C-alpha atoms as a PDB file:
ATOM      1  CA  UNK A   1     -28.315  34.694  42.133  1.00  0.00           C
ATOM      2  CA  UNK A   2     -31.540  33.223  40.767  1.00  0.00           C
ATOM      3  CA  UNK A   3     -33.522  34.535  37.809  1.00  0.00           C
ATOM      4  CA  UNK A   4     -36.397  35.519  40.093  1.00  0.00           C
ATOM      5  CA  UNK A   5     -34.149  37.515  42.409  1.00  0.00           C
ATOM      6  CA  UNK A   6     -32.715  39.436  39.467  1.00  0.00           C
ATOM      7  CA  UNK A   7     -36.244  39.871  38.108  1.00  0.00           C
ATOM      8  CA  UNK A   8     -37.377  41.397  41.403  1.00  0.00           C
ATOM      9  CA  UNK A   9     -34.348  43.706  41.371  1.00  0.00           C
ATOM     10  CA  UNK A  10     -35.299  44.703  37.825  1.00  0.00           C
ATOM     11  CA  UNK A  11     -38.865  45.466  38.886  1.00  0.00           C
ATOM     12  CA  UNK A  12     -37.613  47.514  41.825  1.00  0.00           C
ATOM     13  CA  UNK A  13     -35.266  49.500  39.593  1.00  0.00           C
ATOM     14  CA  UNK A  14     -37.947  50.036  36.952  1.00  0.00           C
ATOM     15  CA  UNK A  15     -40.290  51.811  39.350  1.00  0.00           C
ATOM     16  CA  UNK A  16     -38.602  55.174  38.708  1.00  0.00           C
ATOM     17  CA  UNK A  17     -39.059  54.628  34.969  1.00  0.00           C
ATOM     18  CA  UNK A  18     -42.657  53.596  35.540  1.00  0.00           C
ATOM     19  CA  UNK A  19     -43.374  56.690  37.661  1.00  0.00           C
ATOM     20  CA  UNK A  20     -41.818  59.095  35.133  1.00  0.00           C
ATOM     21  CA  UNK A  21     -43.599  57.374  32.242  1.00  0.00           C
ATOM     22  CA  UNK A  22     -46.851  57.489  34.162  1.00  0.00           C
ATOM     23  CA  UNK A  23     -46.369  61.221  34.646  1.00  0.00           C
ATOM     24  CA  UNK A  24     -45.637  61.718  30.950  1.00  0.00           C
ATOM     25  CA  UNK A  25     -48.714  59.650  30.080  1.00  0.00           C
ATOM     26  CA  UNK A  26     -50.873  61.568  32.525  1.00  0.00           C
ATOM     27  CA  UNK A  27     -49.647  64.921  31.216  1.00  0.00           C
ATOM     28  CA  UNK A  28     -50.446  63.802  27.661  1.00  0.00           C
ATOM     29  CA  UNK A  29     -47.237  65.242  26.215  1.00  0.00           C
ATOM     30  CA  UNK A  30     -45.747  62.006  24.801  1.00  0.00           C
ATOM     31  CA  UNK A  31     -48.267  61.400  22.038  1.00  0.00           C
ATOM     32  CA  UNK A  32     -47.672  59.152  19.055  1.00  0.00           C
ATOM     33  CA  UNK A  33     -45.719  55.981  18.394  1.00  0.00           C
ATOM     34  CA  UNK A  34     -42.299  57.606  17.955  1.00  0.00           C
ATOM     35  CA  UNK A  35     -42.269  59.542  21.274  1.00  0.00           C
ATOM     36  CA  UNK A  36     -43.567  56.488  23.131  1.00  0.00           C
ATOM     37  CA  UNK A  37     -40.870  54.309  21.538  1.00  0.00           C
ATOM     38  CA  UNK A  38     -38.131  56.855  22.304  1.00  0.00           C
ATOM     39  CA  UNK A  39     -39.063  57.018  25.979  1.00  0.00           C
ATOM     40  CA  UNK A  40     -39.385  53.299  26.713  1.00  0.00           C
ATOM     41  CA  UNK A  41     -36.360  52.401  24.557  1.00  0.00           C
ATOM     42  CA  UNK A  42     -34.068  54.929  26.213  1.00  0.00           C
ATOM     43  CA  UNK A  43     -35.214  54.073  29.736  1.00  0.00           C
ATOM     44  CA  UNK A  44     -34.469  50.385  29.144  1.00  0.00           C
ATOM     45  CA  UNK A  45     -31.154  51.114  27.413  1.00  0.00           C
ATOM     46  CA  UNK A  46     -29.921  53.381  30.194  1.00  0.00           C
ATOM     47  CA  UNK A  47     -31.047  50.993  32.978  1.00  0.00           C
ATOM     48  CA  UNK A  48     -29.153  48.093  31.398  1.00  0.00           C
ATOM     49  CA  UNK A  49     -26.140  50.230  30.499  1.00  0.00           C
ATOM     50  CA  UNK A  50     -25.787  51.738  33.966  1.00  0.00           C
ATOM     51  CA  UNK A  51     -25.974  48.251  35.461  1.00  0.00           C
ATOM     52  CA  UNK A  52     -23.005  47.227  33.313  1.00  0.00           C
ATOM     53  CA  UNK A  53     -21.072  50.396  34.221  1.00  0.00           C
ATOM     54  CA  UNK A  54     -21.627  49.721  37.935  1.00  0.00           C
ATOM     55  CA  UNK A  55     -20.547  46.109  37.482  1.00  0.00           C
ATOM     56  CA  UNK A  56     -17.350  47.205  35.713  1.00  0.00           C
ATOM     57  CA  UNK A  57     -16.523  49.497  38.625  1.00  0.00           C
ATOM     58  CA  UNK A  58     -17.318  46.764  41.114  1.00  0.00           C
ATOM     59  CA  UNK A  59     -15.139  44.118  39.492  1.00  0.00           C
ATOM     60  CA  UNK A  60     -12.060  46.300  39.919  1.00  0.00           C
ATOM     61  CA  UNK A  61     -12.468  46.620  43.696  1.00  0.00           C
ATOM     62  CA  UNK A  62     -14.088  43.243  44.466  1.00  0.00           C
ATOM     63  CA  UNK A  63     -10.861  41.389  45.417  1.00  0.00           C
ATOM     64  CA  UNK A  64     -10.150  43.986  48.100  1.00  0.00           C
ATOM     65  CA  UNK A  65     -13.553  43.793  49.759  1.00  0.00           C
ATOM     66  CA  UNK A  66     -14.524  40.126  49.300  1.00  0.00           C
ATOM     67  CA  UNK A  67     -14.940  39.537  53.043  1.00  0.00           C
ATOM     68  CA  UNK A  68     -17.572  42.242  53.471  1.00  0.00           C
ATOM     69  CA  UNK A  69     -19.173  42.279  50.010  1.00  0.00           C
ATOM     70  CA  UNK A  70     -22.562  41.052  51.265  1.00  0.00           C
ATOM     71  CA  UNK A  71     -22.744  43.944  53.747  1.00  0.00           C
ATOM     72  CA  UNK A  72     -21.810  46.418  51.019  1.00  0.00           C
ATOM     73  CA  UNK A  73     -24.490  44.936  48.752  1.00  0.00           C
ATOM     74  CA  UNK A  74     -27.026  45.349  51.575  1.00  0.00           C
ATOM     75  CA  UNK A  75     -25.878  48.922  52.149  1.00  0.00           C
ATOM     76  CA  UNK A  76     -26.160  49.879  48.493  1.00  0.00           C
ATOM     77  CA  UNK A  77     -29.540  48.215  48.017  1.00  0.00           C
ATOM     78  CA  UNK A  78     -30.787  49.731  51.288  1.00  0.00           C
ATOM     79  CA  UNK A  79     -29.558  53.175  50.227  1.00  0.00           C
ATOM     80  CA  UNK A  80     -31.378  52.926  46.899  1.00  0.00           C
ATOM     81  CA  UNK A  81     -34.463  51.328  48.470  1.00  0.00           C
ATOM     82  CA  UNK A  82     -34.806  53.866  51.298  1.00  0.00           C
ATOM     83  CA  UNK A  83     -34.329  56.731  48.860  1.00  0.00           C
ATOM     84  CA  UNK A  84     -37.058  55.315  46.604  1.00  0.00           C
ATOM     85  CA  UNK A  85     -39.433  54.861  49.551  1.00  0.00           C
ATOM     86  CA  UNK A  86     -38.747  58.417  50.779  1.00  0.00           C
ATOM     87  CA  UNK A  87     -39.324  59.869  47.303  1.00  0.00           C
ATOM     88  CA  UNK A  88     -42.462  57.779  46.916  1.00  0.00           C
ATOM     89  CA  UNK A  89     -43.899  59.154  50.160  1.00  0.00           C
ATOM     90  CA  UNK A  90     -43.325  62.794  49.205  1.00  0.00           C
ATOM     91  CA  UNK A  91     -46.252  64.893  48.068  1.00  0.00           C
ATOM     92  CA  UNK A  92     -47.163  64.469  44.443  1.00  0.00           C
ATOM     93  CA  UNK A  93     -46.494  67.561  42.348  1.00  0.00           C
ATOM     94  CA  UNK A  94     -48.773  68.526  39.524  1.00  0.00           C
ATOM     95  CA  UNK A  95     -47.709  67.191  36.149  1.00  0.00           C
ATOM     96  CA  UNK A  96     -44.417  68.921  35.452  1.00  0.00           C
ATOM     97  CA  UNK A  97     -44.151  68.109  31.751  1.00  0.00           C
ATOM     98  CA  UNK A  98     -45.101  71.099  29.645  1.00  0.00           C
ATOM     99  CA  UNK A  99     -43.221  69.909  26.546  1.00  0.00           C
ATOM    100  CA  UNK A 100     -42.440  66.517  25.042  1.00  0.00           C
ATOM    101  CA  UNK A 101     -40.036  64.736  27.458  1.00  0.00           C
ATOM    102  CA  UNK A 102     -39.002  62.272  24.738  1.00  0.00           C
ATOM    103  CA  UNK A 103     -36.713  64.684  22.883  1.00  0.00           C
ATOM    104  CA  UNK A 104     -33.167  65.954  23.213  1.00  0.00           C
ATOM    105  CA  UNK A 105     -31.531  66.796  26.505  1.00  0.00           C
ATOM    106  CA  UNK A 106     -34.749  66.243  28.467  1.00  0.00           C
ATOM    107  CA  UNK A 107     -34.830  62.609  27.352  1.00  0.00           C
ATOM    108  CA  UNK A 108     -31.155  62.090  28.225  1.00  0.00           C
ATOM    109  CA  UNK A 109     -31.594  63.783  31.618  1.00  0.00           C
ATOM    110  CA  UNK A 110     -34.635  61.646  32.475  1.00  0.00           C
ATOM    111  CA  UNK A 111     -32.870  58.487  31.285  1.00  0.00           C
ATOM    112  CA  UNK A 112     -29.819  59.171  33.456  1.00  0.00           C
ATOM    113  CA  UNK A 113     -31.895  60.260  36.459  1.00  0.00           C
ATOM    114  CA  UNK A 114     -34.010  57.106  36.404  1.00  0.00           C
ATOM    115  CA  UNK A 115     -30.990  54.823  35.973  1.00  0.00           C
ATOM    116  CA  UNK A 116     -28.579  56.097  38.644  1.00  0.00           C
ATOM    117  CA  UNK A 117     -29.897  53.405  40.983  1.00  0.00           C
ATOM    118  CA  UNK A 118     -28.920  50.754  38.416  1.00  0.00           C
ATOM    119  CA  UNK A 119     -25.297  51.899  38.763  1.00  0.00           C
ATOM    120  CA  UNK A 120     -25.327  51.015  42.478  1.00  0.00           C
ATOM    121  CA  UNK A 121     -27.079  47.714  41.779  1.00  0.00           C
ATOM    122  CA  UNK A 122     -24.460  46.882  39.135  1.00  0.00           C
ATOM    123  CA  UNK A 123     -21.757  47.445  41.740  1.00  0.00           C
ATOM    124  CA  UNK A 124     -23.576  45.032  44.065  1.00  0.00           C
ATOM    125  CA  UNK A 125     -23.888  42.440  41.292  1.00  0.00           C
ATOM    126  CA  UNK A 126     -20.126  42.558  40.721  1.00  0.00           C
ATOM    127  CA  UNK A 127     -19.484  41.817  44.377  1.00  0.00           C
ATOM    128  CA  UNK A 128     -21.875  38.886  44.222  1.00  0.00           C
ATOM    129  CA  UNK A 129     -20.262  37.599  41.004  1.00  0.00           C
ATOM    130  CA  UNK A 130     -23.490  37.666  39.009  1.00  0.00           C
ATOM    131  CA  UNK A 131     -23.529  37.290  35.194  1.00  0.00           C
ATOM    132  CA  UNK A 132     -23.928  40.967  34.369  1.00  0.00           C
ATOM    133  CA  UNK A 133     -24.970  40.610  30.733  1.00  0.00           C
ATOM    134  CA  UNK A 134     -28.025  38.499  31.552  1.00  0.00           C
ATOM    135  CA  UNK A 135     -28.907  40.717  34.506  1.00  0.00           C
ATOM    136  CA  UNK A 136     -28.462  43.944  32.502  1.00  0.00           C
ATOM    137  CA  UNK A 137     -30.612  42.650  29.648  1.00  0.00           C
ATOM    138  CA  UNK A 138     -33.347  41.587  32.068  1.00  0.00           C
ATOM    139  CA  UNK A 139     -33.186  44.927  33.908  1.00  0.00           C
ATOM    140  CA  UNK A 140     -33.348  46.808  30.597  1.00  0.00           C
ATOM    141  CA  UNK A 141     -36.252  44.769  29.237  1.00  0.00           C
ATOM    142  CA  UNK A 142     -38.288  45.028  32.455  1.00  0.00           C
ATOM    143  CA  UNK A 143     -37.638  48.782  32.599  1.00  0.00           C
ATOM    144  CA  UNK A 144     -38.751  49.192  28.982  1.00  0.00           C
ATOM    145  CA  UNK A 145     -41.910  47.171  29.512  1.00  0.00           C
ATOM    146  CA  UNK A 146     -42.894  49.008  32.691  1.00  0.00           C
ATOM    147  CA  UNK A 147     -42.133  52.348  31.020  1.00  0.00           C
ATOM    148  CA  UNK A 148     -44.398  51.429  28.120  1.00  0.00           C
ATOM    149  CA  UNK A 149     -47.137  50.341  30.497  1.00  0.00           C
ATOM    150  CA  UNK A 150     -46.752  53.597  32.449  1.00  0.00           C
ATOM    151  CA  UNK A 151     -47.109  55.657  29.292  1.00  0.00           C
ATOM    152  CA  UNK A 152     -50.080  53.734  27.947  1.00  0.00           C
ATOM    153  CA  UNK A 153     -52.126  53.732  31.130  1.00  0.00           C
ATOM    154  CA  UNK A 154     -50.957  57.046  32.602  1.00  0.00           C
ATOM    155  CA  UNK A 155     -54.184  58.882  31.849  1.00  0.00           C
ATOM    156  CA  UNK A 156     -56.263  56.288  33.671  1.00  0.00           C
ATOM    157  CA  UNK A 157     -54.093  55.777  36.745  1.00  0.00           C
ATOM    158  CA  UNK A 158     -52.759  59.242  37.530  1.00  0.00           C
ATOM    159  CA  UNK A 159     -49.604  60.392  39.281  1.00  0.00           C
ATOM    160  CA  UNK A 160     -50.555  59.191  42.752  1.00  0.00           C
ATOM    161  CA  UNK A 161     -50.333  55.525  41.785  1.00  0.00           C
ATOM    162  CA  UNK A 162     -46.865  56.117  40.342  1.00  0.00           C
ATOM    163  CA  UNK A 163     -45.565  57.360  43.688  1.00  0.00           C
ATOM    164  CA  UNK A 164     -46.974  54.283  45.431  1.00  0.00           C
ATOM    165  CA  UNK A 165     -45.163  52.060  42.933  1.00  0.00           C
ATOM    166  CA  UNK A 166     -41.890  53.808  43.791  1.00  0.00           C
ATOM    167  CA  UNK A 167     -42.429  52.852  47.460  1.00  0.00           C
ATOM    168  CA  UNK A 168     -43.085  49.235  46.450  1.00  0.00           C
ATOM    169  CA  UNK A 169     -39.908  49.192  44.345  1.00  0.00           C
ATOM    170  CA  UNK A 170     -37.847  50.521  47.263  1.00  0.00           C
ATOM    171  CA  UNK A 171     -39.254  47.905  49.633  1.00  0.00           C
ATOM    172  CA  UNK A 172     -38.436  45.154  47.119  1.00  0.00           C
ATOM    173  CA  UNK A 173     -34.811  46.307  46.953  1.00  0.00           C
ATOM    174  CA  UNK A 174     -34.565  46.435  50.757  1.00  0.00           C
ATOM    175  CA  UNK A 175     -35.951  42.923  51.019  1.00  0.00           C
ATOM    176  CA  UNK A 176     -33.473  41.588  48.467  1.00  0.00           C
ATOM    177  CA  UNK A 177     -30.567  43.224  50.325  1.00  0.00           C
ATOM    178  CA  UNK A 178     -31.632  41.587  53.592  1.00  0.00           C
ATOM    179  CA  UNK A 179     -32.031  38.240  51.808  1.00  0.00           C
ATOM    180  CA  UNK A 180     -28.477  38.503  50.425  1.00  0.00           C
ATOM    181  CA  UNK A 181     -27.030  39.005  53.927  1.00  0.00           C
ATOM    182  CA  UNK A 182     -29.106  36.208  55.453  1.00  0.00           C
ATOM    183  CA  UNK A 183     -28.125  33.816  52.636  1.00  0.00           C
ATOM    184  CA  UNK A 184     -24.445  34.709  52.996  1.00  0.00           C
ATOM    185  CA  UNK A 185     -24.424  34.338  56.780  1.00  0.00           C
ATOM    186  CA  UNK A 186     -26.246  30.980  56.577  1.00  0.00           C
ATOM    187  CA  UNK A 187     -23.485  29.482  54.397  1.00  0.00           C
END
């Protein structure tokens, strides 16, 4: 899988992080360098870590499903992509952060919630025999950068833009899944 394909997957996965960070930035509850660092660091760490966990699970079952792995990859990416599009099209709630989301159990919960999709992508990467360390690092770095951007510009852009970005991320993942199947069938 090429660098650019993995980069697009990373951008698609990072849209949840971007949307949550945008909400935190809009709500104005993550103020200061330390809270900003905690949020973007943890989002990137969890995205990369969940990718590796998914890959580890995928490598154990890959020999048994090698003949249909491209269809499974499409299914997983489509599942994640459709879910992201559906969530992105839902009505935007008012800012739900009343306290600092960069502390304690709230930070862990947000980090896990935004990285569940990376678990499914990691499973797909195992089936496609992709170098998981490079992919996980790229996914983590892109997620951190987009989280930081979301926090820093949240007040100017508002929550509505964040939901649109989630739709874009879902469509990117769907497109990559379709490309994987087409590439595999063309061989």
